[in-house]
Amino acid sequence: MEIIRNDDGSLLVPIPEGRHHDSDDVTDTPSGDGVDVVEAPTTRLLHPGEGGYNEALAEWDLQQNPDRAPAVSTASGREEAMNVVHAVAESPDHDVTGALKDVHDPAASGEALRHVLIGGTHSVEAFSEEVAEAEGGEPLPAHKMTKVIGEVLAELDK
């Protein structure tokens, strides 16, 4: 099962089956009718800011193009990515398409954002501070920055 990204930025992530240990001990397990068996969930819904979200978003992005080379951030790609992220974050309607129209190298911007995600929460926090310093304003919390990055990457992958 693949990771599914919802319109609100949340991710539906498969939960791997737990490991089963073979044991020589015999346990009495009731069988037959009248026994309620509760099955473990097979998926989990992650929202921006939750533990594991950044890693799941990076994995979702890799699923979109599994043949893509490892993410490499260039100075110009990172600068344009900061401009786009700032514009989307400041836009009342999160106009990703409008923010991307002035980007000269969308591929480099996407790679820079992927590079941020691969670094995890600390990388996202540092990127948020860098954007605030370069563009003005306050740094976005990591979960909000991650959501904006996900929106931009989803638009770039269309």
C-alpha atoms as a PDB file:
ATOM      1  CA  MET A   1       0.000   0.000   0.000  1.00  0.00           C
ATOM      2  CA  GLU A   2       1.227   3.461  -0.837  1.00  0.00           C
ATOM      3  CA  ILE A   3       1.082   6.643   1.210  1.00  0.00           C
ATOM      4  CA  ILE A   4      -1.872   8.830   0.244  1.00  0.00           C
ATOM      5  CA  ARG A   5      -1.695  12.636   0.555  1.00  0.00           C
ATOM      6  CA  ASN A   6      -5.055  14.279   1.258  1.00  0.00           C
ATOM      7  CA  ASP A   7      -6.035  17.790   0.157  1.00  0.00           C
ATOM      8  CA  ASP A   8      -5.651  19.090   3.730  1.00  0.00           C
ATOM      9  CA  GLY A   9      -2.007  17.946   3.780  1.00  0.00           C
ATOM     10  CA  SER A  10      -2.613  14.924   5.982  1.00  0.00           C
ATOM     11  CA  LEU A  11      -1.061  11.619   4.973  1.00  0.00           C
ATOM     12  CA  LEU A  12      -2.642   8.171   5.160  1.00  0.00           C
ATOM     13  CA  VAL A  13       0.298   5.920   5.975  1.00  0.00           C
ATOM     14  CA  PRO A  14       0.316   2.118   6.019  1.00  0.00           C
ATOM     15  CA  ILE A  15       1.283   0.490   9.302  1.00  0.00           C
ATOM     16  CA  PRO A  16       3.570  -2.489   8.828  1.00  0.00           C
ATOM     17  CA  GLU A  17       2.361  -5.706  10.378  1.00  0.00           C
ATOM     18  CA  GLY A  18       3.809  -6.409  13.775  1.00  0.00           C
ATOM     19  CA  ARG A  19       6.355  -9.118  14.135  1.00  0.00           C
ATOM     20  CA  HIS A  20       5.059 -12.439  15.319  1.00  0.00           C
ATOM     21  CA  HIS A  21       7.309 -14.502  17.516  1.00  0.00           C
ATOM     22  CA  ASP A  22       7.024 -18.248  17.405  1.00  0.00           C
ATOM     23  CA  SER A  23       6.848 -19.710  20.825  1.00  0.00           C
ATOM     24  CA  ASP A  24       6.976 -23.169  22.275  1.00  0.00           C
ATOM     25  CA  ASP A  25       4.476 -22.086  24.918  1.00  0.00           C
ATOM     26  CA  VAL A  26       0.948 -23.168  24.268  1.00  0.00           C
ATOM     27  CA  THR A  27      -1.677 -20.688  25.275  1.00  0.00           C
ATOM     28  CA  ASP A  28      -5.339 -21.325  25.595  1.00  0.00           C
ATOM     29  CA  THR A  29      -7.118 -19.103  23.150  1.00  0.00           C
ATOM     30  CA  PRO A  30     -10.870 -19.245  23.029  1.00  0.00           C
ATOM     31  CA  SER A  31     -12.320 -20.276  19.738  1.00  0.00           C
ATOM     32  CA  GLY A  32     -15.758 -20.378  18.284  1.00  0.00           C
ATOM     33  CA  ASP A  33     -18.658 -18.006  18.156  1.00  0.00           C
ATOM     34  CA  GLY A  34     -19.124 -15.237  20.651  1.00  0.00           C
ATOM     35  CA  VAL A  35     -15.458 -14.192  20.652  1.00  0.00           C
ATOM     36  CA  ASP A  36     -14.822 -10.624  19.567  1.00  0.00           C
ATOM     37  CA  VAL A  37     -11.507 -10.243  17.824  1.00  0.00           C
ATOM     38  CA  VAL A  38     -10.226  -6.707  17.457  1.00  0.00           C
ATOM     39  CA  GLU A  39      -7.959  -6.332  14.475  1.00  0.00           C
ATOM     40  CA  ALA A  40      -5.101  -3.870  14.575  1.00  0.00           C
ATOM     41  CA  PRO A  41      -5.423  -0.888  12.229  1.00  0.00           C
ATOM     42  CA  THR A  42      -3.553  -1.159   8.946  1.00  0.00           C
ATOM     43  CA  THR A  43      -3.203   2.594   8.328  1.00  0.00           C
ATOM     44  CA  ARG A  44      -2.588   5.760  10.313  1.00  0.00           C
ATOM     45  CA  LEU A  45      -3.558   9.340   9.471  1.00  0.00           C
ATOM     46  CA  LEU A  46      -0.697  11.781  10.089  1.00  0.00           C
ATOM     47  CA  HIS A  47      -1.150  15.550  10.192  1.00  0.00           C
ATOM     48  CA  PRO A  48       1.619  18.143   9.782  1.00  0.00           C
ATOM     49  CA  GLY A  49       3.497  18.443  13.048  1.00  0.00           C
ATOM     50  CA  GLU A  50       2.902  14.887  14.210  1.00  0.00           C
ATOM     51  CA  GLY A  51       5.813  12.561  14.798  1.00  0.00           C
ATOM     52  CA  GLY A  52       6.815  10.821  11.604  1.00  0.00           C
ATOM     53  CA  TYR A  53       5.008  13.280   9.319  1.00  0.00           C
ATOM     54  CA  ASN A  54       8.152  14.754   7.718  1.00  0.00           C
ATOM     55  CA  GLU A  55       9.566  11.321   7.013  1.00  0.00           C
ATOM     56  CA  ALA A  56       6.233  10.137   5.586  1.00  0.00           C
ATOM     57  CA  LEU A  57       5.999  13.234   3.371  1.00  0.00           C
ATOM     58  CA  ALA A  58       9.502  12.601   2.033  1.00  0.00           C
ATOM     59  CA  GLU A  59       8.525   8.970   1.363  1.00  0.00           C
ATOM     60  CA  TRP A  60       5.283  10.092  -0.362  1.00  0.00           C
ATOM     61  CA  ASP A  61       7.300  12.442  -2.549  1.00  0.00           C
ATOM     62  CA  LEU A  62       9.655   9.622  -3.496  1.00  0.00           C
ATOM     63  CA  GLN A  63       6.636   7.448  -4.415  1.00  0.00           C
ATOM     64  CA  GLN A  64       5.551  10.084  -6.931  1.00  0.00           C
ATOM     65  CA  ASN A  65       8.710   9.474  -8.953  1.00  0.00           C
ATOM     66  CA  PRO A  66      10.663   6.461  -7.695  1.00  0.00           C
ATOM     67  CA  ASP A  67      13.310   6.797 -10.408  1.00  0.00           C
ATOM     68  CA  ARG A  68      14.257  10.310  -9.312  1.00  0.00           C
ATOM     69  CA  ALA A  69      17.877  10.781  -8.316  1.00  0.00           C
ATOM     70  CA  PRO A  70      18.667  11.756  -4.710  1.00  0.00           C
ATOM     71  CA  ALA A  71      17.658  15.316  -3.861  1.00  0.00           C
ATOM     72  CA  VAL A  72      20.393  17.899  -4.324  1.00  0.00           C
ATOM     73  CA  SER A  73      19.944  21.492  -3.260  1.00  0.00           C
ATOM     74  CA  THR A  74      21.491  24.289  -5.321  1.00  0.00           C
ATOM     75  CA  ALA A  75      21.816  27.888  -4.175  1.00  0.00           C
ATOM     76  CA  SER A  76      19.483  29.242  -6.870  1.00  0.00           C
ATOM     77  CA  GLY A  77      16.969  26.443  -6.324  1.00  0.00           C
ATOM     78  CA  ARG A  78      16.958  27.058  -2.588  1.00  0.00           C
ATOM     79  CA  GLU A  79      16.518  30.808  -3.057  1.00  0.00           C
ATOM     80  CA  GLU A  80      13.561  30.346  -5.397  1.00  0.00           C
ATOM     81  CA  ALA A  81      12.117  27.705  -3.052  1.00  0.00           C
ATOM     82  CA  MET A  82      12.307  30.180  -0.159  1.00  0.00           C
ATOM     83  CA  ASN A  83      10.489  32.808  -2.257  1.00  0.00           C
ATOM     84  CA  VAL A  84       7.753  30.353  -3.220  1.00  0.00           C
ATOM     85  CA  VAL A  85       7.258  29.024   0.306  1.00  0.00           C
ATOM     86  CA  HIS A  86       7.087  32.547   1.693  1.00  0.00           C
ATOM     87  CA  ALA A  87       4.574  33.630  -0.979  1.00  0.00           C
ATOM     88  CA  VAL A  88       2.356  30.596  -0.320  1.00  0.00           C
ATOM     89  CA  ALA A  89       2.524  31.054   3.450  1.00  0.00           C
ATOM     90  CA  GLU A  90       1.598  34.759   3.133  1.00  0.00           C
ATOM     91  CA  SER A  91      -1.180  34.150   0.611  1.00  0.00           C
ATOM     92  CA  PRO A  92      -4.623  34.069   2.263  1.00  0.00           C
ATOM     93  CA  ASP A  93      -5.752  31.277  -0.092  1.00  0.00           C
ATOM     94  CA  HIS A  94      -2.379  29.441  -0.324  1.00  0.00           C
ATOM     95  CA  ASP A  95      -2.064  30.234  -4.036  1.00  0.00           C
ATOM     96  CA  VAL A  96       0.664  27.741  -4.952  1.00  0.00           C
ATOM     97  CA  THR A  97       0.129  28.096  -8.708  1.00  0.00           C
ATOM     98  CA  GLY A  98       0.503  31.873  -8.523  1.00  0.00           C
ATOM     99  CA  ALA A  99       3.630  31.588  -6.390  1.00  0.00           C
ATOM    100  CA  LEU A 100       5.229  29.210  -8.899  1.00  0.00           C
ATOM    101  CA  LYS A 101       4.558  31.331 -12.003  1.00  0.00           C
ATOM    102  CA  ASP A 102       7.724  33.437 -11.533  1.00  0.00           C
ATOM    103  CA  VAL A 103      10.019  30.503 -10.779  1.00  0.00           C
ATOM    104  CA  HIS A 104      12.721  30.113 -13.423  1.00  0.00           C
ATOM    105  CA  ASP A 105      13.754  26.567 -12.498  1.00  0.00           C
ATOM    106  CA  PRO A 106      10.881  24.626 -10.899  1.00  0.00           C
ATOM    107  CA  ALA A 107      12.932  21.413 -10.841  1.00  0.00           C
ATOM    108  CA  ALA A 108      15.707  23.045  -8.791  1.00  0.00           C
ATOM    109  CA  SER A 109      13.168  24.539  -6.384  1.00  0.00           C
ATOM    110  CA  GLY A 110      11.517  21.153  -5.942  1.00  0.00           C
ATOM    111  CA  GLU A 111      14.861  19.489  -5.318  1.00  0.00           C
ATOM    112  CA  ALA A 112      15.738  22.109  -2.696  1.00  0.00           C
ATOM    113  CA  LEU A 113      12.446  21.467  -0.890  1.00  0.00           C
ATOM    114  CA  ARG A 114      12.946  17.696  -1.067  1.00  0.00           C
ATOM    115  CA  HIS A 115      16.405  18.196   0.398  1.00  0.00           C
ATOM    116  CA  VAL A 116      14.842  20.093   3.321  1.00  0.00           C
ATOM    117  CA  LEU A 117      12.331  17.304   3.966  1.00  0.00           C
ATOM    118  CA  ILE A 118      14.945  14.579   3.892  1.00  0.00           C
ATOM    119  CA  GLY A 119      16.761  16.377   6.707  1.00  0.00           C
ATOM    120  CA  GLY A 120      13.779  15.932   9.032  1.00  0.00           C
ATOM    121  CA  THR A 121      12.258  18.288  11.564  1.00  0.00           C
ATOM    122  CA  HIS A 122      15.460  20.151  12.422  1.00  0.00           C
ATOM    123  CA  SER A 123      16.096  20.832   8.752  1.00  0.00           C
ATOM    124  CA  VAL A 124      12.543  22.139   8.305  1.00  0.00           C
ATOM    125  CA  GLU A 125      12.920  24.391  11.371  1.00  0.00           C
ATOM    126  CA  ALA A 126      16.223  25.779  10.078  1.00  0.00           C
ATOM    127  CA  PHE A 127      14.705  26.361   6.633  1.00  0.00           C
ATOM    128  CA  SER A 128      11.782  28.209   8.225  1.00  0.00           C
ATOM    129  CA  GLU A 129      14.180  30.504  10.072  1.00  0.00           C
ATOM    130  CA  GLU A 130      16.173  31.050   6.885  1.00  0.00           C
ATOM    131  CA  VAL A 131      12.998  31.982   4.978  1.00  0.00           C
ATOM    132  CA  ALA A 132      11.950  34.439   7.707  1.00  0.00           C
ATOM    133  CA  GLU A 133      15.383  36.044   7.695  1.00  0.00           C
ATOM    134  CA  ALA A 134      15.502  36.349   3.894  1.00  0.00           C
ATOM    135  CA  GLU A 135      11.878  37.284   3.254  1.00  0.00           C
ATOM    136  CA  GLY A 136      10.863  38.971   6.502  1.00  0.00           C
ATOM    137  CA  GLY A 137       8.313  38.008   9.087  1.00  0.00           C
ATOM    138  CA  GLU A 138       8.340  35.334  11.738  1.00  0.00           C
ATOM    139  CA  PRO A 139       9.478  31.745  11.138  1.00  0.00           C
ATOM    140  CA  LEU A 140       6.637  29.316  10.549  1.00  0.00           C
ATOM    141  CA  PRO A 141       6.313  26.428  12.986  1.00  0.00           C
ATOM    142  CA  ALA A 142       7.794  23.252  11.501  1.00  0.00           C
ATOM    143  CA  HIS A 143       4.404  21.602  10.979  1.00  0.00           C
ATOM    144  CA  LYS A 144       3.093  24.581   9.003  1.00  0.00           C
ATOM    145  CA  MET A 145       6.292  24.847   6.955  1.00  0.00           C
ATOM    146  CA  THR A 146       6.102  21.129   6.174  1.00  0.00           C
ATOM    147  CA  LYS A 147       2.497  21.500   5.028  1.00  0.00           C
ATOM    148  CA  VAL A 148       3.428  24.383   2.700  1.00  0.00           C
ATOM    149  CA  ILE A 149       6.367  22.390   1.313  1.00  0.00           C
ATOM    150  CA  GLY A 150       3.997  19.486   0.648  1.00  0.00           C
ATOM    151  CA  GLU A 151       1.560  21.764  -1.191  1.00  0.00           C
ATOM    152  CA  VAL A 152       4.353  23.154  -3.370  1.00  0.00           C
ATOM    153  CA  LEU A 153       5.744  19.701  -4.165  1.00  0.00           C
ATOM    154  CA  ALA A 154       2.266  18.388  -5.022  1.00  0.00           C
ATOM    155  CA  GLU A 155       1.787  21.286  -7.467  1.00  0.00           C
ATOM    156  CA  LEU A 156       5.235  20.772  -9.001  1.00  0.00           C
ATOM    157  CA  ASP A 157       4.495  17.085  -9.559  1.00  0.00           C
ATOM    158  CA  LYS A 158       1.320  17.776 -11.545  1.00  0.00           C
END
